[in-house]
N, C-alpha and C. Protein backbone atom coordinates (compact mmCIF):
# COMPACT_ATOMS: atom_id res chain seq x y z
N MET A 1 103.11 78.66 309.54
CA MET A 1 103.83 77.57 309.06
C MET A 1 102.70 76.62 308.69
N ASP A 2 102.74 75.87 307.49
CA ASP A 2 102.01 74.83 306.94
C ASP A 2 101.96 73.62 307.96
N VAL A 3 100.87 72.91 308.16
CA VAL A 3 100.94 71.88 308.89
C VAL A 3 100.63 70.63 307.82
N ARG A 4 101.75 69.70 307.55
CA ARG A 4 101.26 68.58 306.67
C ARG A 4 101.22 67.30 307.35
N VAL A 5 100.06 66.56 307.11
CA VAL A 5 99.85 65.36 307.63
C VAL A 5 100.59 64.21 306.70
N GLU A 6 101.36 63.57 307.19
CA GLU A 6 101.94 62.45 306.46
C GLU A 6 100.86 61.54 306.05
N ALA A 7 101.01 61.15 304.71
CA ALA A 7 99.92 60.38 304.00
C ALA A 7 99.60 59.16 304.91
N GLY A 8 98.21 59.23 305.33
CA GLY A 8 97.53 58.10 305.88
C GLY A 8 97.92 57.95 307.40
N VAL A 9 98.77 58.97 307.94
CA VAL A 9 99.05 58.75 309.36
C VAL A 9 98.90 60.20 310.10
N ALA A 10 97.75 60.29 310.60
CA ALA A 10 97.30 61.51 311.20
C ALA A 10 98.11 62.09 312.45
N GLU A 11 98.84 60.96 312.95
CA GLU A 11 99.61 61.47 314.22
C GLU A 11 100.82 61.93 314.02
N ARG A 12 101.41 62.06 312.91
CA ARG A 12 102.72 62.75 312.45
C ARG A 12 102.48 63.91 311.65
N LEU A 13 102.79 64.88 312.23
CA LEU A 13 102.43 66.48 311.70
C LEU A 13 103.93 67.13 311.42
N ASP A 14 104.01 67.36 310.16
CA ASP A 14 105.25 68.10 309.87
C ASP A 14 104.94 69.61 310.00
N VAL A 15 105.76 70.29 310.95
CA VAL A 15 105.15 71.55 311.33
C VAL A 15 106.40 72.55 311.28
N ALA A 16 107.66 72.38 310.81
CA ALA A 16 108.64 73.45 310.64
C ALA A 16 109.85 72.83 309.85
N ASP A 17 110.73 73.72 309.50
CA ASP A 17 111.89 73.47 309.12
C ASP A 17 112.92 73.25 310.35
N ALA A 18 113.57 72.10 310.42
CA ALA A 18 114.46 71.95 311.55
C ALA A 18 115.59 73.11 311.68
N ALA A 19 116.01 73.71 310.53
CA ALA A 19 116.95 74.70 310.69
C ALA A 19 116.39 75.86 311.47
N ASP A 20 115.05 76.12 311.16
CA ASP A 20 114.46 77.40 311.91
C ASP A 20 114.53 77.20 313.47
N LEU A 21 114.27 75.96 313.85
CA LEU A 21 114.44 75.55 315.45
C LEU A 21 115.83 75.68 315.79
N MET A 22 116.60 75.12 314.99
CA MET A 22 118.08 75.27 315.62
C MET A 22 118.41 76.62 315.67
N ALA A 23 118.14 77.54 314.81
CA ALA A 23 118.60 78.83 314.82
C ALA A 23 117.85 79.78 315.82
N ALA A 24 116.69 79.33 316.14
CA ALA A 24 115.88 80.33 317.10
C ALA A 24 115.91 79.53 318.47
N GLY A 25 116.13 78.31 318.67
CA GLY A 25 115.87 77.63 319.92
C GLY A 25 114.51 77.21 320.25
N ARG A 26 113.57 77.94 319.61
CA ARG A 26 112.24 77.62 319.90
C ARG A 26 111.32 78.08 318.83
N LEU A 27 110.01 77.64 318.73
CA LEU A 27 109.17 78.06 317.75
C LEU A 27 107.80 77.89 318.19
N VAL A 28 106.88 78.89 317.87
CA VAL A 28 105.37 78.49 318.18
C VAL A 28 104.83 78.29 316.86
N VAL A 29 104.18 76.99 316.77
CA VAL A 29 103.55 76.38 315.50
C VAL A 29 102.17 76.24 315.67
N SER A 30 101.48 76.09 314.61
CA SER A 30 100.07 75.78 314.80
C SER A 30 99.90 74.23 314.15
N ALA A 31 99.28 73.48 314.90
CA ALA A 31 99.08 71.96 314.89
C ALA A 31 97.82 71.68 315.34
N LEU A 32 96.86 71.14 314.44
CA LEU A 32 95.49 70.71 314.64
C LEU A 32 94.82 71.51 315.51
N GLY A 33 94.67 72.94 315.21
CA GLY A 33 93.92 73.86 315.86
C GLY A 33 94.55 74.40 317.22
N ASP A 34 95.66 73.90 317.62
CA ASP A 34 96.28 74.43 318.72
C ASP A 34 97.81 75.17 318.49
N GLU A 35 98.10 76.01 319.34
CA GLU A 35 99.35 76.68 319.06
C GLU A 35 100.20 75.70 319.99
N VAL A 36 101.48 75.47 319.51
CA VAL A 36 102.30 74.72 320.20
C VAL A 36 103.74 75.24 320.32
N LEU A 37 104.22 75.21 321.50
CA LEU A 37 105.58 75.76 321.66
C LEU A 37 106.68 74.58 321.59
N VAL A 38 107.68 74.58 320.54
CA VAL A 38 108.51 73.73 320.35
C VAL A 38 110.04 74.35 320.84
N ILE A 39 110.56 73.60 321.65
CA ILE A 39 111.87 73.97 322.34
C ILE A 39 113.13 72.96 321.98
N ARG A 40 114.23 73.54 321.62
CA ARG A 40 115.40 72.74 321.54
C ARG A 40 116.17 73.09 322.89
N SER A 41 116.38 71.79 323.64
CA SER A 41 116.96 71.82 324.72
C SER A 41 118.05 70.68 324.86
N ARG A 42 118.84 70.78 325.98
CA ARG A 42 119.73 69.71 326.22
C ARG A 42 119.04 68.31 326.30
N LEU A 43 117.56 68.48 326.73
CA LEU A 43 117.01 67.08 326.78
C LEU A 43 116.49 66.76 325.56
N GLY A 44 116.55 67.59 324.36
CA GLY A 44 116.20 67.27 323.09
C GLY A 44 115.13 68.23 322.73
N VAL A 45 114.15 67.79 321.69
CA VAL A 45 113.26 68.50 321.18
C VAL A 45 111.99 68.33 321.96
N LEU A 46 111.53 69.32 322.53
CA LEU A 46 110.32 69.27 323.45
C LEU A 46 109.25 70.21 322.88
N ALA A 47 107.95 69.58 323.08
CA ALA A 47 106.85 70.52 322.68
C ALA A 47 105.74 70.35 323.58
N TYR A 48 105.03 71.62 323.87
CA TYR A 48 103.88 71.74 324.88
C TYR A 48 102.96 72.76 324.11
N THR A 49 101.69 72.42 324.42
CA THR A 49 100.57 73.41 324.08
C THR A 49 101.03 74.73 324.70
N ASN A 50 100.98 75.78 323.75
CA ASN A 50 101.48 76.95 324.12
C ASN A 50 100.38 77.89 324.99
N ARG A 51 100.10 77.29 326.25
CA ARG A 51 99.33 78.19 326.96
C ARG A 51 99.56 77.67 328.54
N CYS A 52 99.79 78.76 329.36
CA CYS A 52 100.20 78.28 330.76
C CYS A 52 98.72 77.95 331.41
N PRO A 53 98.62 76.93 332.14
CA PRO A 53 97.49 76.64 332.76
C PRO A 53 96.98 77.52 333.89
N HIS A 54 97.93 78.34 334.47
CA HIS A 54 97.55 79.21 335.32
C HIS A 54 96.58 80.28 334.84
N ALA A 55 96.69 81.00 333.79
CA ALA A 55 96.01 82.27 333.34
C ALA A 55 95.69 82.01 331.78
N GLY A 56 96.25 81.11 331.14
CA GLY A 56 96.15 80.89 329.75
C GLY A 56 96.93 81.73 329.05
N ARG A 57 98.01 82.24 329.47
CA ARG A 57 98.94 83.04 328.90
C ARG A 57 99.84 82.37 327.84
N SER A 58 100.39 83.01 326.78
CA SER A 58 101.27 82.16 326.00
C SER A 58 102.64 81.91 326.58
N LEU A 59 103.39 81.05 326.35
CA LEU A 59 104.60 80.47 326.90
C LEU A 59 105.63 80.66 325.76
N GLY A 60 105.47 81.42 324.53
CA GLY A 60 106.29 81.63 323.85
C GLY A 60 107.55 82.38 324.15
N ASP A 61 107.46 83.30 325.20
CA ASP A 61 108.54 84.09 325.56
C ASP A 61 109.04 83.50 327.06
N ALA A 62 108.62 82.32 327.33
CA ALA A 62 109.02 81.64 328.62
C ALA A 62 110.52 81.47 328.76
N ARG A 63 111.10 81.56 329.96
CA ARG A 63 112.49 81.44 330.12
C ARG A 63 112.71 80.06 330.39
N VAL A 64 113.77 79.58 329.65
CA VAL A 64 114.20 78.14 329.87
C VAL A 64 115.51 78.25 330.78
N ARG A 65 115.32 77.63 331.92
CA ARG A 65 116.48 77.49 332.96
C ARG A 65 116.67 76.03 333.38
N ARG A 66 117.87 75.67 332.90
CA ARG A 66 118.31 74.20 333.20
C ARG A 66 117.11 73.38 332.80
N ARG A 67 116.52 72.73 333.78
CA ARG A 67 115.43 71.85 333.37
C ARG A 67 113.90 72.39 333.59
N SER A 68 114.02 73.55 333.48
CA SER A 68 112.67 74.16 333.61
C SER A 68 112.16 75.26 332.85
N LEU A 69 110.92 75.53 332.66
CA LEU A 69 110.34 76.56 331.76
C LEU A 69 109.53 77.46 332.73
N GLU A 70 109.85 78.52 332.67
CA GLU A 70 109.31 79.62 333.59
C GLU A 70 108.31 80.83 332.86
N CYS A 71 107.12 80.65 333.18
CA CYS A 71 106.07 81.73 332.45
C CYS A 71 106.53 82.99 333.14
N VAL A 72 106.82 83.92 332.15
CA VAL A 72 107.36 85.36 332.65
C VAL A 72 106.18 86.07 333.10
N GLY A 73 104.90 85.73 333.01
CA GLY A 73 103.64 86.38 333.41
C GLY A 73 103.57 86.15 335.02
N HIS A 74 103.86 85.14 335.58
CA HIS A 74 103.82 85.19 336.91
C HIS A 74 104.67 84.26 337.62
N GLY A 75 105.74 83.77 336.81
CA GLY A 75 106.80 82.86 337.41
C GLY A 75 106.51 81.53 337.77
N MET A 76 105.38 80.92 337.22
CA MET A 76 105.21 79.47 337.43
C MET A 76 106.17 78.71 336.63
N ARG A 77 106.74 77.80 337.34
CA ARG A 77 107.71 76.98 336.59
C ARG A 77 107.29 75.48 336.31
N PHE A 78 107.68 74.96 335.14
CA PHE A 78 107.40 73.67 334.75
C PHE A 78 108.54 72.85 334.51
N ASP A 79 108.66 71.61 334.92
CA ASP A 79 109.52 70.63 334.71
C ASP A 79 109.75 70.47 332.94
N LEU A 80 110.91 70.67 332.44
CA LEU A 80 111.02 70.53 330.99
C LEU A 80 110.68 69.25 330.33
N GLY A 81 111.17 68.30 331.29
CA GLY A 81 110.89 66.84 330.71
C GLY A 81 109.57 66.40 330.86
N THR A 82 108.86 66.76 331.84
CA THR A 82 107.39 66.23 332.01
C THR A 82 106.40 67.18 331.73
N GLY A 83 106.64 68.50 331.92
CA GLY A 83 105.58 69.46 331.67
C GLY A 83 104.85 69.66 332.98
N ARG A 84 105.05 69.11 334.04
CA ARG A 84 104.35 69.35 335.35
C ARG A 84 104.80 70.56 336.00
N ALA A 85 104.12 71.23 336.60
CA ALA A 85 104.24 72.43 337.36
C ALA A 85 105.10 72.05 338.56
N ILE A 86 106.10 72.90 338.86
CA ILE A 86 107.00 72.72 340.01
C ILE A 86 106.24 73.34 341.23
N GLY A 87 105.79 72.52 342.28
CA GLY A 87 105.20 73.18 343.44
C GLY A 87 103.63 73.19 343.34
N CYS A 88 103.08 72.67 342.40
CA CYS A 88 101.37 72.66 342.29
C CYS A 88 101.16 71.47 341.23
N ARG A 89 99.69 71.36 341.41
CA ARG A 89 99.28 70.12 340.47
C ARG A 89 99.16 70.43 339.13
N ALA A 90 99.23 71.55 338.53
CA ALA A 90 98.95 71.93 337.14
C ALA A 90 100.06 71.34 336.24
N SER A 91 99.71 71.22 334.99
CA SER A 91 100.80 70.81 334.20
C SER A 91 100.54 71.21 332.60
N LEU A 92 101.49 71.10 331.85
CA LEU A 92 101.17 71.43 330.39
C LEU A 92 101.06 70.27 329.67
N ARG A 93 100.24 70.57 328.65
CA ARG A 93 99.89 69.44 327.68
C ARG A 93 101.19 69.10 326.78
N ARG A 94 101.77 67.88 326.92
CA ARG A 94 102.78 67.66 326.18
C ARG A 94 102.62 66.91 324.80
N TRP A 95 103.25 67.40 323.78
CA TRP A 95 103.27 66.71 322.45
C TRP A 95 104.56 66.11 322.21
N SER A 96 104.58 65.01 321.44
CA SER A 96 105.79 64.22 321.17
C SER A 96 106.58 64.90 320.03
N ALA A 97 107.70 65.21 320.02
CA ALA A 97 108.55 66.12 318.98
C ALA A 97 109.67 65.50 318.57
N TRP A 98 110.20 65.68 317.48
CA TRP A 98 111.46 65.01 316.96
C TRP A 98 111.68 65.66 315.63
N ILE A 99 112.99 65.48 315.29
CA ILE A 99 113.62 65.98 313.97
C ILE A 99 113.64 64.86 313.07
N GLU A 100 113.19 64.96 311.76
CA GLU A 100 113.59 63.84 311.01
C GLU A 100 113.64 64.33 309.45
N GLN A 101 114.68 64.08 308.73
CA GLN A 101 114.85 64.57 307.53
C GLN A 101 114.87 66.08 307.39
N GLY A 102 115.46 66.95 308.44
CA GLY A 102 115.43 68.09 308.36
C GLY A 102 114.10 68.95 308.58
N ARG A 103 113.27 68.11 309.16
CA ARG A 103 111.99 68.79 309.29
C ARG A 103 111.52 68.56 310.98
N VAL A 104 110.83 69.38 311.56
CA VAL A 104 110.25 69.04 313.05
C VAL A 104 108.92 68.40 312.80
N TRP A 105 108.82 67.37 313.38
CA TRP A 105 107.44 66.57 313.46
C TRP A 105 106.92 66.62 314.83
N LEU A 106 105.61 66.58 314.97
CA LEU A 106 104.95 66.48 316.11
C LEU A 106 103.77 65.37 316.04
N SER A 107 103.54 64.77 317.29
CA SER A 107 102.44 63.95 317.34
C SER A 107 101.52 64.47 318.50
N PRO A 108 100.21 64.62 318.44
CA PRO A 108 99.42 65.04 319.53
C PRO A 108 99.31 64.29 320.66
N PRO A 109 99.15 65.05 321.80
CA PRO A 109 98.91 64.23 323.12
C PRO A 109 97.86 63.08 322.91
N ASP A 110 98.08 62.18 323.62
CA ASP A 110 96.91 61.14 323.72
C ASP A 110 95.69 61.73 324.41
N VAL A 111 94.47 61.51 323.92
CA VAL A 111 93.26 61.91 324.32
C VAL A 111 92.53 60.79 325.14
N ARG A 112 92.66 60.90 326.35
CA ARG A 112 92.10 59.84 327.20
C ARG A 112 90.91 60.25 327.96
């Protein structure tokens, strides 16, 4: 998928057609050199860097259960709303994600 940066605004990345996300429920897209997992859930459109902090495994096939995302590699679970691991200090890197004009948009996490 092509990433288009809105004219003059590097923080808004157009990454996918919203219809593709609605149909599949999740997409793995490329944005600013990262793979990003975008999920459609009851909480809205959520996005995280597509890498489990435990072993670096892709989360593209992770299970979504209620309010958590579970890595199928070893069962580590993350709160869907925050990206924080349940039961330990690890967390996923969260991107801002939304749908606008039929497209999926992302803003990268703050680098502090």
